[in-house]
Amino acid sequence: MIDVKCEQCGLLNRLADETCQRCGAELHGRAVSYHPTPSGFQIPEAGVFNPASGEASFQTATVIGPFNSISDVVKPTIDLFKDNIWLITKLVFVIFAPFEMFKTMSYGTTARGWKFEGGIFFLSLICKALIAPSLIYALMMVMRTGVAPSLQESYRWGLSKLGKLVVVALMAWTLELLGFACLIVPGIILSLAFELIYPMAALENAAPVEILKRSYNLTK
């Protein structure tokens, strides 16, 4: 598996990308590649990709170990959130603090009807839909570069993916509801099958239907 490293900001982009997903700079073929070894995967610190031979030369360092137990997944996840708790707190607080304040003030002054409750529910969904791609992008940048992006950069990325994420989520929810209507079990299966749609919608340049299919195939 080969990725292209941006010479301007150092982000690892997919080989098919023509410009950097982070800074927009044109990619010129500097590549890194992941190689399976007995101790895990190897990732180069830097390298030069040769299109003629399809190979890259680089120095490597182990970054991903083999999967032995559930702790191999849970512990790195907890460590990632623990090490970036301030970044996560800022991203969530900036969106949800004003929303919660508005909701609290509205409850004290407005009669609670179905329109009001529907509006609050809709705003809540929009907030969550914006948080998801922004948070995924910010943590991915930390994992790729070791440097946390700014709130503005994270939200700008989240807004750019908001439409696609909402479409994918609505399609997934519709299929899941149909599955639950068909004796419940199909709905549970589809709920698990579509667990990966949020990071895919945030990070991959694919159409909504392709995202659903890819998530299904990876979890199948």
C-alpha atoms as a PDB file:
ATOM      1  CA  MET A   1       0.000   0.000   0.000  1.00  0.00           C
ATOM      2  CA  ILE A   2       1.554   3.311  -1.110  1.00  0.00           C
ATOM      3  CA  ASP A   3       0.696   6.872  -0.113  1.00  0.00           C
ATOM      4  CA  VAL A   4       2.092  10.131  -1.464  1.00  0.00           C
ATOM      5  CA  LYS A   5       3.692  12.524   1.022  1.00  0.00           C
ATOM      6  CA  CYS A   6       3.091  16.239   0.498  1.00  0.00           C
ATOM      7  CA  GLU A   7       6.382  18.121   0.261  1.00  0.00           C
ATOM      8  CA  GLN A   8       4.795  21.282   1.680  1.00  0.00           C
ATOM      9  CA  CYS A   9       2.987  20.123   4.854  1.00  0.00           C
ATOM     10  CA  GLY A  10       4.050  16.462   5.186  1.00  0.00           C
ATOM     11  CA  LEU A  11       0.554  14.959   5.008  1.00  0.00           C
ATOM     12  CA  LEU A  12       0.225  11.416   3.648  1.00  0.00           C
ATOM     13  CA  ASN A  13      -2.222  11.454   0.733  1.00  0.00           C
ATOM     14  CA  ARG A  14      -3.515   8.604  -1.379  1.00  0.00           C
ATOM     15  CA  LEU A  15      -1.527   7.778  -4.500  1.00  0.00           C
ATOM     16  CA  ALA A  16      -4.475   8.750  -6.734  1.00  0.00           C
ATOM     17  CA  ASP A  17      -4.735  12.267  -5.265  1.00  0.00           C
ATOM     18  CA  GLU A  18      -3.400  15.070  -7.459  1.00  0.00           C
ATOM     19  CA  THR A  19      -3.367  17.736  -4.726  1.00  0.00           C
ATOM     20  CA  CYS A  20      -2.817  17.586  -0.967  1.00  0.00           C
ATOM     21  CA  GLN A  21      -6.008  17.091   1.038  1.00  0.00           C
ATOM     22  CA  ARG A  22      -4.710  19.458   3.716  1.00  0.00           C
ATOM     23  CA  CYS A  23      -2.901  22.384   2.093  1.00  0.00           C
ATOM     24  CA  GLY A  24      -3.959  21.959  -1.551  1.00  0.00           C
ATOM     25  CA  ALA A  25      -0.388  21.821  -2.869  1.00  0.00           C
ATOM     26  CA  GLU A  26       0.263  19.783  -6.022  1.00  0.00           C
ATOM     27  CA  LEU A  27       1.699  16.340  -5.323  1.00  0.00           C
ATOM     28  CA  HIS A  28       4.903  15.429  -7.154  1.00  0.00           C
ATOM     29  CA  GLY A  29       5.351  11.720  -6.510  1.00  0.00           C
ATOM     30  CA  ARG A  30       7.133  11.647  -3.133  1.00  0.00           C
ATOM     31  CA  ALA A  31       5.791   8.416  -1.696  1.00  0.00           C
ATOM     32  CA  VAL A  32       5.685   6.295   1.416  1.00  0.00           C
ATOM     33  CA  SER A  33       4.695   2.658   1.534  1.00  0.00           C
ATOM     34  CA  TYR A  34       3.512   0.199   4.165  1.00  0.00           C
ATOM     35  CA  HIS A  35       5.116  -3.257   4.221  1.00  0.00           C
ATOM     36  CA  PRO A  36       3.886  -6.180   6.346  1.00  0.00           C
ATOM     37  CA  THR A  37       6.610  -7.800   8.474  1.00  0.00           C
ATOM     38  CA  PRO A  38       6.538 -10.420  11.252  1.00  0.00           C
ATOM     39  CA  SER A  39       6.520  -7.619  13.849  1.00  0.00           C
ATOM     40  CA  GLY A  40       3.903  -5.469  12.133  1.00  0.00           C
ATOM     41  CA  PHE A  41       3.689  -2.950   9.331  1.00  0.00           C
ATOM     42  CA  GLN A  42       6.601  -0.755   8.319  1.00  0.00           C
ATOM     43  CA  ILE A  43       6.139   2.860   7.281  1.00  0.00           C
ATOM     44  CA  PRO A  44       8.910   4.928   5.703  1.00  0.00           C
ATOM     45  CA  GLU A  45       9.801   8.333   7.066  1.00  0.00           C
ATOM     46  CA  ALA A  46      10.362   9.625   3.529  1.00  0.00           C
ATOM     47  CA  GLY A  47      10.967   8.262   0.066  1.00  0.00           C
ATOM     48  CA  VAL A  48      10.955   8.826  -3.658  1.00  0.00           C
ATOM     49  CA  PHE A  49       8.490   6.928  -5.831  1.00  0.00           C
ATOM     50  CA  ASN A  50       9.592   5.654  -9.237  1.00  0.00           C
ATOM     51  CA  PRO A  51       6.508   5.425 -11.530  1.00  0.00           C
ATOM     52  CA  ALA A  52       8.370   3.213 -14.039  1.00  0.00           C
ATOM     53  CA  SER A  53       9.250   0.481 -11.541  1.00  0.00           C
ATOM     54  CA  GLY A  54       6.379   1.084  -9.132  1.00  0.00           C
ATOM     55  CA  GLU A  55       8.789   1.032  -6.182  1.00  0.00           C
ATOM     56  CA  ALA A  56       9.929   3.530  -3.558  1.00  0.00           C
ATOM     57  CA  SER A  57      13.154   3.697  -1.575  1.00  0.00           C
ATOM     58  CA  PHE A  58      12.987   4.776   2.072  1.00  0.00           C
ATOM     59  CA  GLN A  59      13.881   4.074   5.689  1.00  0.00           C
ATOM     60  CA  THR A  60      11.193   2.358   7.750  1.00  0.00           C
ATOM     61  CA  ALA A  61      10.006   2.207  11.348  1.00  0.00           C
ATOM     62  CA  THR A  62       7.385  -0.057  12.923  1.00  0.00           C
ATOM     63  CA  VAL A  63       4.155   1.822  13.648  1.00  0.00           C
ATOM     64  CA  ILE A  64       1.405  -0.827  13.551  1.00  0.00           C
ATOM     65  CA  GLY A  65       1.697  -4.140  15.334  1.00  0.00           C
ATOM     66  CA  PRO A  66      -0.154  -7.383  14.517  1.00  0.00           C
ATOM     67  CA  PHE A  67      -3.681  -7.892  15.835  1.00  0.00           C
ATOM     68  CA  ASN A  68      -3.610 -10.337  18.748  1.00  0.00           C
ATOM     69  CA  SER A  69      -6.529  -9.288  20.937  1.00  0.00           C
ATOM     70  CA  ILE A  70      -9.196  -6.633  21.419  1.00  0.00           C
ATOM     71  CA  SER A  71      -6.775  -4.642  23.571  1.00  0.00           C
ATOM     72  CA  ASP A  72      -4.675  -4.020  20.440  1.00  0.00           C
ATOM     73  CA  VAL A  73      -7.571  -1.854  19.219  1.00  0.00           C
ATOM     74  CA  VAL A  74      -9.037  -0.496  22.456  1.00  0.00           C
ATOM     75  CA  LYS A  75      -5.790   0.688  24.070  1.00  0.00           C
ATOM     76  CA  PRO A  76      -4.510   2.749  21.087  1.00  0.00           C
ATOM     77  CA  THR A  77      -7.977   4.299  20.757  1.00  0.00           C
ATOM     78  CA  ILE A  78      -8.070   5.288  24.428  1.00  0.00           C
ATOM     79  CA  ASP A  79      -4.510   6.622  24.212  1.00  0.00           C
ATOM     80  CA  LEU A  80      -5.385   8.682  21.125  1.00  0.00           C
ATOM     81  CA  PHE A  81      -8.344  10.321  22.861  1.00  0.00           C
ATOM     82  CA  LYS A  82      -6.436  10.760  26.132  1.00  0.00           C
ATOM     83  CA  ASP A  83      -3.462  12.410  24.417  1.00  0.00           C
ATOM     84  CA  ASN A  84      -5.745  14.740  22.436  1.00  0.00           C
ATOM     85  CA  ILE A  85      -8.452  15.404  25.026  1.00  0.00           C
ATOM     86  CA  TRP A  86      -7.953  19.183  24.847  1.00  0.00           C
ATOM     87  CA  LEU A  87      -8.306  19.219  21.049  1.00  0.00           C
ATOM     88  CA  ILE A  88     -11.456  17.081  21.246  1.00  0.00           C
ATOM     89  CA  THR A  89     -12.894  19.254  24.025  1.00  0.00           C
ATOM     90  CA  LYS A  90     -12.365  22.443  22.008  1.00  0.00           C
ATOM     91  CA  LEU A  91     -13.937  20.985  18.869  1.00  0.00           C
ATOM     92  CA  VAL A  92     -17.023  19.764  20.732  1.00  0.00           C
ATOM     93  CA  PHE A  93     -17.355  22.802  23.020  1.00  0.00           C
ATOM     94  CA  VAL A  94     -17.300  25.426  20.249  1.00  0.00           C
ATOM     95  CA  ILE A  95     -20.296  23.788  18.538  1.00  0.00           C
ATOM     96  CA  PHE A  96     -22.356  22.410  21.405  1.00  0.00           C
ATOM     97  CA  ALA A  97     -21.904  25.130  24.037  1.00  0.00           C
ATOM     98  CA  PRO A  98     -23.854  27.782  22.039  1.00  0.00           C
ATOM     99  CA  PHE A  99     -26.433  25.159  21.039  1.00  0.00           C
ATOM    100  CA  GLU A 100     -27.007  24.047  24.651  1.00  0.00           C
ATOM    101  CA  MET A 101     -27.245  27.674  25.803  1.00  0.00           C
ATOM    102  CA  PHE A 102     -29.791  28.426  23.070  1.00  0.00           C
ATOM    103  CA  LYS A 103     -31.793  25.317  23.949  1.00  0.00           C
ATOM    104  CA  THR A 104     -31.819  26.166  27.668  1.00  0.00           C
ATOM    105  CA  MET A 105     -32.902  29.763  27.072  1.00  0.00           C
ATOM    106  CA  SER A 106     -35.578  28.650  24.592  1.00  0.00           C
ATOM    107  CA  TYR A 107     -37.069  26.164  27.017  1.00  0.00           C
ATOM    108  CA  GLY A 108     -37.533  28.953  29.550  1.00  0.00           C
ATOM    109  CA  THR A 109     -39.312  31.371  27.220  1.00  0.00           C
ATOM    110  CA  THR A 110     -41.063  29.323  24.538  1.00  0.00           C
ATOM    111  CA  ALA A 111     -44.049  27.012  24.702  1.00  0.00           C
ATOM    112  CA  ARG A 112     -42.910  23.508  23.899  1.00  0.00           C
ATOM    113  CA  GLY A 113     -44.730  22.326  20.792  1.00  0.00           C
ATOM    114  CA  TRP A 114     -43.920  19.805  18.096  1.00  0.00           C
ATOM    115  CA  LYS A 115     -42.430  22.490  15.843  1.00  0.00           C
ATOM    116  CA  PHE A 116     -40.097  23.676  18.586  1.00  0.00           C
ATOM    117  CA  GLU A 117     -39.048  20.136  19.511  1.00  0.00           C
ATOM    118  CA  GLY A 118     -38.556  19.286  15.837  1.00  0.00           C
ATOM    119  CA  GLY A 119     -36.372  22.360  15.336  1.00  0.00           C
ATOM    120  CA  ILE A 120     -34.233  21.502  18.361  1.00  0.00           C
ATOM    121  CA  PHE A 121     -33.843  17.927  17.124  1.00  0.00           C
ATOM    122  CA  PHE A 122     -32.860  19.140  13.636  1.00  0.00           C
ATOM    123  CA  LEU A 123     -30.254  21.568  15.046  1.00  0.00           C
ATOM    124  CA  SER A 124     -28.860  18.780  17.209  1.00  0.00           C
ATOM    125  CA  LEU A 125     -28.440  16.544  14.155  1.00  0.00           C
ATOM    126  CA  ILE A 126     -26.656  19.333  12.260  1.00  0.00           C
ATOM    127  CA  CYS A 127     -24.275  19.905  15.186  1.00  0.00           C
ATOM    128  CA  LYS A 128     -23.461  16.208  15.403  1.00  0.00           C
ATOM    129  CA  ALA A 129     -23.053  15.947  11.631  1.00  0.00           C
ATOM    130  CA  LEU A 130     -20.561  18.835  11.689  1.00  0.00           C
ATOM    131  CA  ILE A 131     -18.650  17.504  14.693  1.00  0.00           C
ATOM    132  CA  ALA A 132     -18.126  14.029  13.198  1.00  0.00           C
ATOM    133  CA  PRO A 133     -16.032  14.924  10.096  1.00  0.00           C
ATOM    134  CA  SER A 134     -14.231  17.764  11.911  1.00  0.00           C
ATOM    135  CA  LEU A 135     -13.187  15.489  14.764  1.00  0.00           C
ATOM    136  CA  ILE A 136     -12.218  12.627  12.454  1.00  0.00           C
ATOM    137  CA  TYR A 137     -10.115  14.989  10.331  1.00  0.00           C
ATOM    138  CA  ALA A 138      -8.371  16.535  13.351  1.00  0.00           C
ATOM    139  CA  LEU A 139      -7.434  13.166  14.873  1.00  0.00           C
ATOM    140  CA  MET A 140      -6.302  11.812  11.501  1.00  0.00           C
ATOM    141  CA  MET A 141      -4.012  14.813  11.038  1.00  0.00           C
ATOM    142  CA  VAL A 142      -2.520  14.194  14.490  1.00  0.00           C
ATOM    143  CA  MET A 143      -1.904  10.544  13.596  1.00  0.00           C
ATOM    144  CA  ARG A 144      -0.397  11.394  10.188  1.00  0.00           C
ATOM    145  CA  THR A 145       1.719  14.437  11.027  1.00  0.00           C
ATOM    146  CA  GLY A 146       1.953  14.600  14.821  1.00  0.00           C
ATOM    147  CA  VAL A 147       0.613  18.177  14.690  1.00  0.00           C
ATOM    148  CA  ALA A 148      -2.966  19.115  15.622  1.00  0.00           C
ATOM    149  CA  PRO A 149      -4.787  21.266  13.018  1.00  0.00           C
ATOM    150  CA  SER A 150      -6.456  24.520  14.024  1.00  0.00           C
ATOM    151  CA  LEU A 151     -10.160  24.666  14.862  1.00  0.00           C
ATOM    152  CA  GLN A 152     -10.756  26.733  11.719  1.00  0.00           C
ATOM    153  CA  GLU A 153      -9.049  24.143   9.525  1.00  0.00           C
ATOM    154  CA  SER A 154     -10.944  21.278  11.164  1.00  0.00           C
ATOM    155  CA  TYR A 155     -14.347  22.961  10.833  1.00  0.00           C
ATOM    156  CA  ARG A 156     -13.616  24.041   7.268  1.00  0.00           C
ATOM    157  CA  TRP A 157     -12.937  20.410   6.401  1.00  0.00           C
ATOM    158  CA  GLY A 158     -16.063  19.320   8.284  1.00  0.00           C
ATOM    159  CA  LEU A 159     -18.241  21.814   6.416  1.00  0.00           C
ATOM    160  CA  SER A 160     -16.848  20.657   3.077  1.00  0.00           C
ATOM    161  CA  LYS A 161     -17.911  17.074   3.892  1.00  0.00           C
ATOM    162  CA  LEU A 162     -21.172  17.892   5.652  1.00  0.00           C
ATOM    163  CA  GLY A 163     -23.463  17.423   2.629  1.00  0.00           C
ATOM    164  CA  LYS A 164     -22.021  14.055   1.648  1.00  0.00           C
ATOM    165  CA  LEU A 165     -22.012  12.827   5.250  1.00  0.00           C
ATOM    166  CA  VAL A 166     -25.680  13.754   5.724  1.00  0.00           C
ATOM    167  CA  VAL A 167     -26.679  12.005   2.475  1.00  0.00           C
ATOM    168  CA  VAL A 168     -24.735   8.857   3.396  1.00  0.00           C
ATOM    169  CA  ALA A 169     -26.166   8.841   6.932  1.00  0.00           C
ATOM    170  CA  LEU A 170     -29.751   9.234   5.664  1.00  0.00           C
ATOM    171  CA  MET A 171     -29.271   6.405   3.167  1.00  0.00           C
ATOM    172  CA  ALA A 172     -27.792   4.170   5.878  1.00  0.00           C
ATOM    173  CA  TRP A 173     -30.574   4.993   8.353  1.00  0.00           C
ATOM    174  CA  THR A 174     -33.237   4.258   5.728  1.00  0.00           C
ATOM    175  CA  LEU A 175     -31.743   0.869   4.940  1.00  0.00           C
ATOM    176  CA  GLU A 176     -31.362   0.080   8.641  1.00  0.00           C
ATOM    177  CA  LEU A 177     -35.004   0.989   9.360  1.00  0.00           C
ATOM    178  CA  LEU A 178     -36.121  -1.256   6.500  1.00  0.00           C
ATOM    179  CA  GLY A 179     -33.928  -3.990   7.968  1.00  0.00           C
ATOM    180  CA  PHE A 180     -35.475  -3.599  11.422  1.00  0.00           C
ATOM    181  CA  ALA A 181     -38.914  -3.770   9.822  1.00  0.00           C
ATOM    182  CA  CYS A 182     -37.897  -7.133   8.306  1.00  0.00           C
ATOM    183  CA  LEU A 183     -37.763  -9.145  11.541  1.00  0.00           C
ATOM    184  CA  ILE A 184     -35.118  -6.935  13.272  1.00  0.00           C
ATOM    185  CA  VAL A 185     -32.072  -9.120  12.520  1.00  0.00           C
ATOM    186  CA  PRO A 186     -31.341  -7.581   9.070  1.00  0.00           C
ATOM    187  CA  GLY A 187     -31.432  -4.155  10.705  1.00  0.00           C
ATOM    188  CA  ILE A 188     -28.830  -5.201  13.279  1.00  0.00           C
ATOM    189  CA  ILE A 189     -26.611  -6.602  10.517  1.00  0.00           C
ATOM    190  CA  LEU A 190     -26.862  -3.390   8.470  1.00  0.00           C
ATOM    191  CA  SER A 191     -26.199  -1.246  11.548  1.00  0.00           C
ATOM    192  CA  LEU A 192     -22.897  -3.064  12.023  1.00  0.00           C
ATOM    193  CA  ALA A 193     -22.147  -3.079   8.292  1.00  0.00           C
ATOM    194  CA  PHE A 194     -22.422   0.722   8.055  1.00  0.00           C
ATOM    195  CA  GLU A 195     -20.281   1.538  11.099  1.00  0.00           C
ATOM    196  CA  LEU A 196     -17.466   2.882   8.878  1.00  0.00           C
ATOM    197  CA  ILE A 197     -19.490   5.362   6.824  1.00  0.00           C
ATOM    198  CA  TYR A 198     -18.570   8.404   8.943  1.00  0.00           C
ATOM    199  CA  PRO A 199     -14.763   8.218   8.634  1.00  0.00           C
ATOM    200  CA  MET A 200     -15.117   7.215   4.975  1.00  0.00           C
ATOM    201  CA  ALA A 201     -17.426  10.128   4.190  1.00  0.00           C
ATOM    202  CA  ALA A 202     -15.035  12.489   5.983  1.00  0.00           C
ATOM    203  CA  LEU A 203     -11.752  11.235   4.531  1.00  0.00           C
ATOM    204  CA  GLU A 204     -12.406   9.537   1.185  1.00  0.00           C
ATOM    205  CA  ASN A 205     -13.410  11.065  -2.147  1.00  0.00           C
ATOM    206  CA  ALA A 206     -16.129   8.555  -2.984  1.00  0.00           C
ATOM    207  CA  ALA A 207     -19.806   8.805  -3.865  1.00  0.00           C
ATOM    208  CA  PRO A 208     -22.396   7.986  -1.149  1.00  0.00           C
ATOM    209  CA  VAL A 209     -23.365   4.638  -2.708  1.00  0.00           C
ATOM    210  CA  GLU A 210     -19.689   3.645  -3.005  1.00  0.00           C
ATOM    211  CA  ILE A 211     -19.152   4.512   0.666  1.00  0.00           C
ATOM    212  CA  LEU A 212     -22.034   2.272   1.730  1.00  0.00           C
ATOM    213  CA  LYS A 213     -20.741  -0.594  -0.411  1.00  0.00           C
ATOM    214  CA  ARG A 214     -17.175  -0.175   0.840  1.00  0.00           C
ATOM    215  CA  SER A 215     -18.244  -0.087   4.496  1.00  0.00           C
ATOM    216  CA  TYR A 216     -20.355  -3.201   3.948  1.00  0.00           C
ATOM    217  CA  ASN A 217     -17.504  -5.067   2.275  1.00  0.00           C
ATOM    218  CA  LEU A 218     -14.957  -4.122   4.964  1.00  0.00           C
ATOM    219  CA  THR A 219     -17.212  -5.227   7.824  1.00  0.00           C
ATOM    220  CA  LYS A 220     -18.719  -8.256   6.084  1.00  0.00           C
END
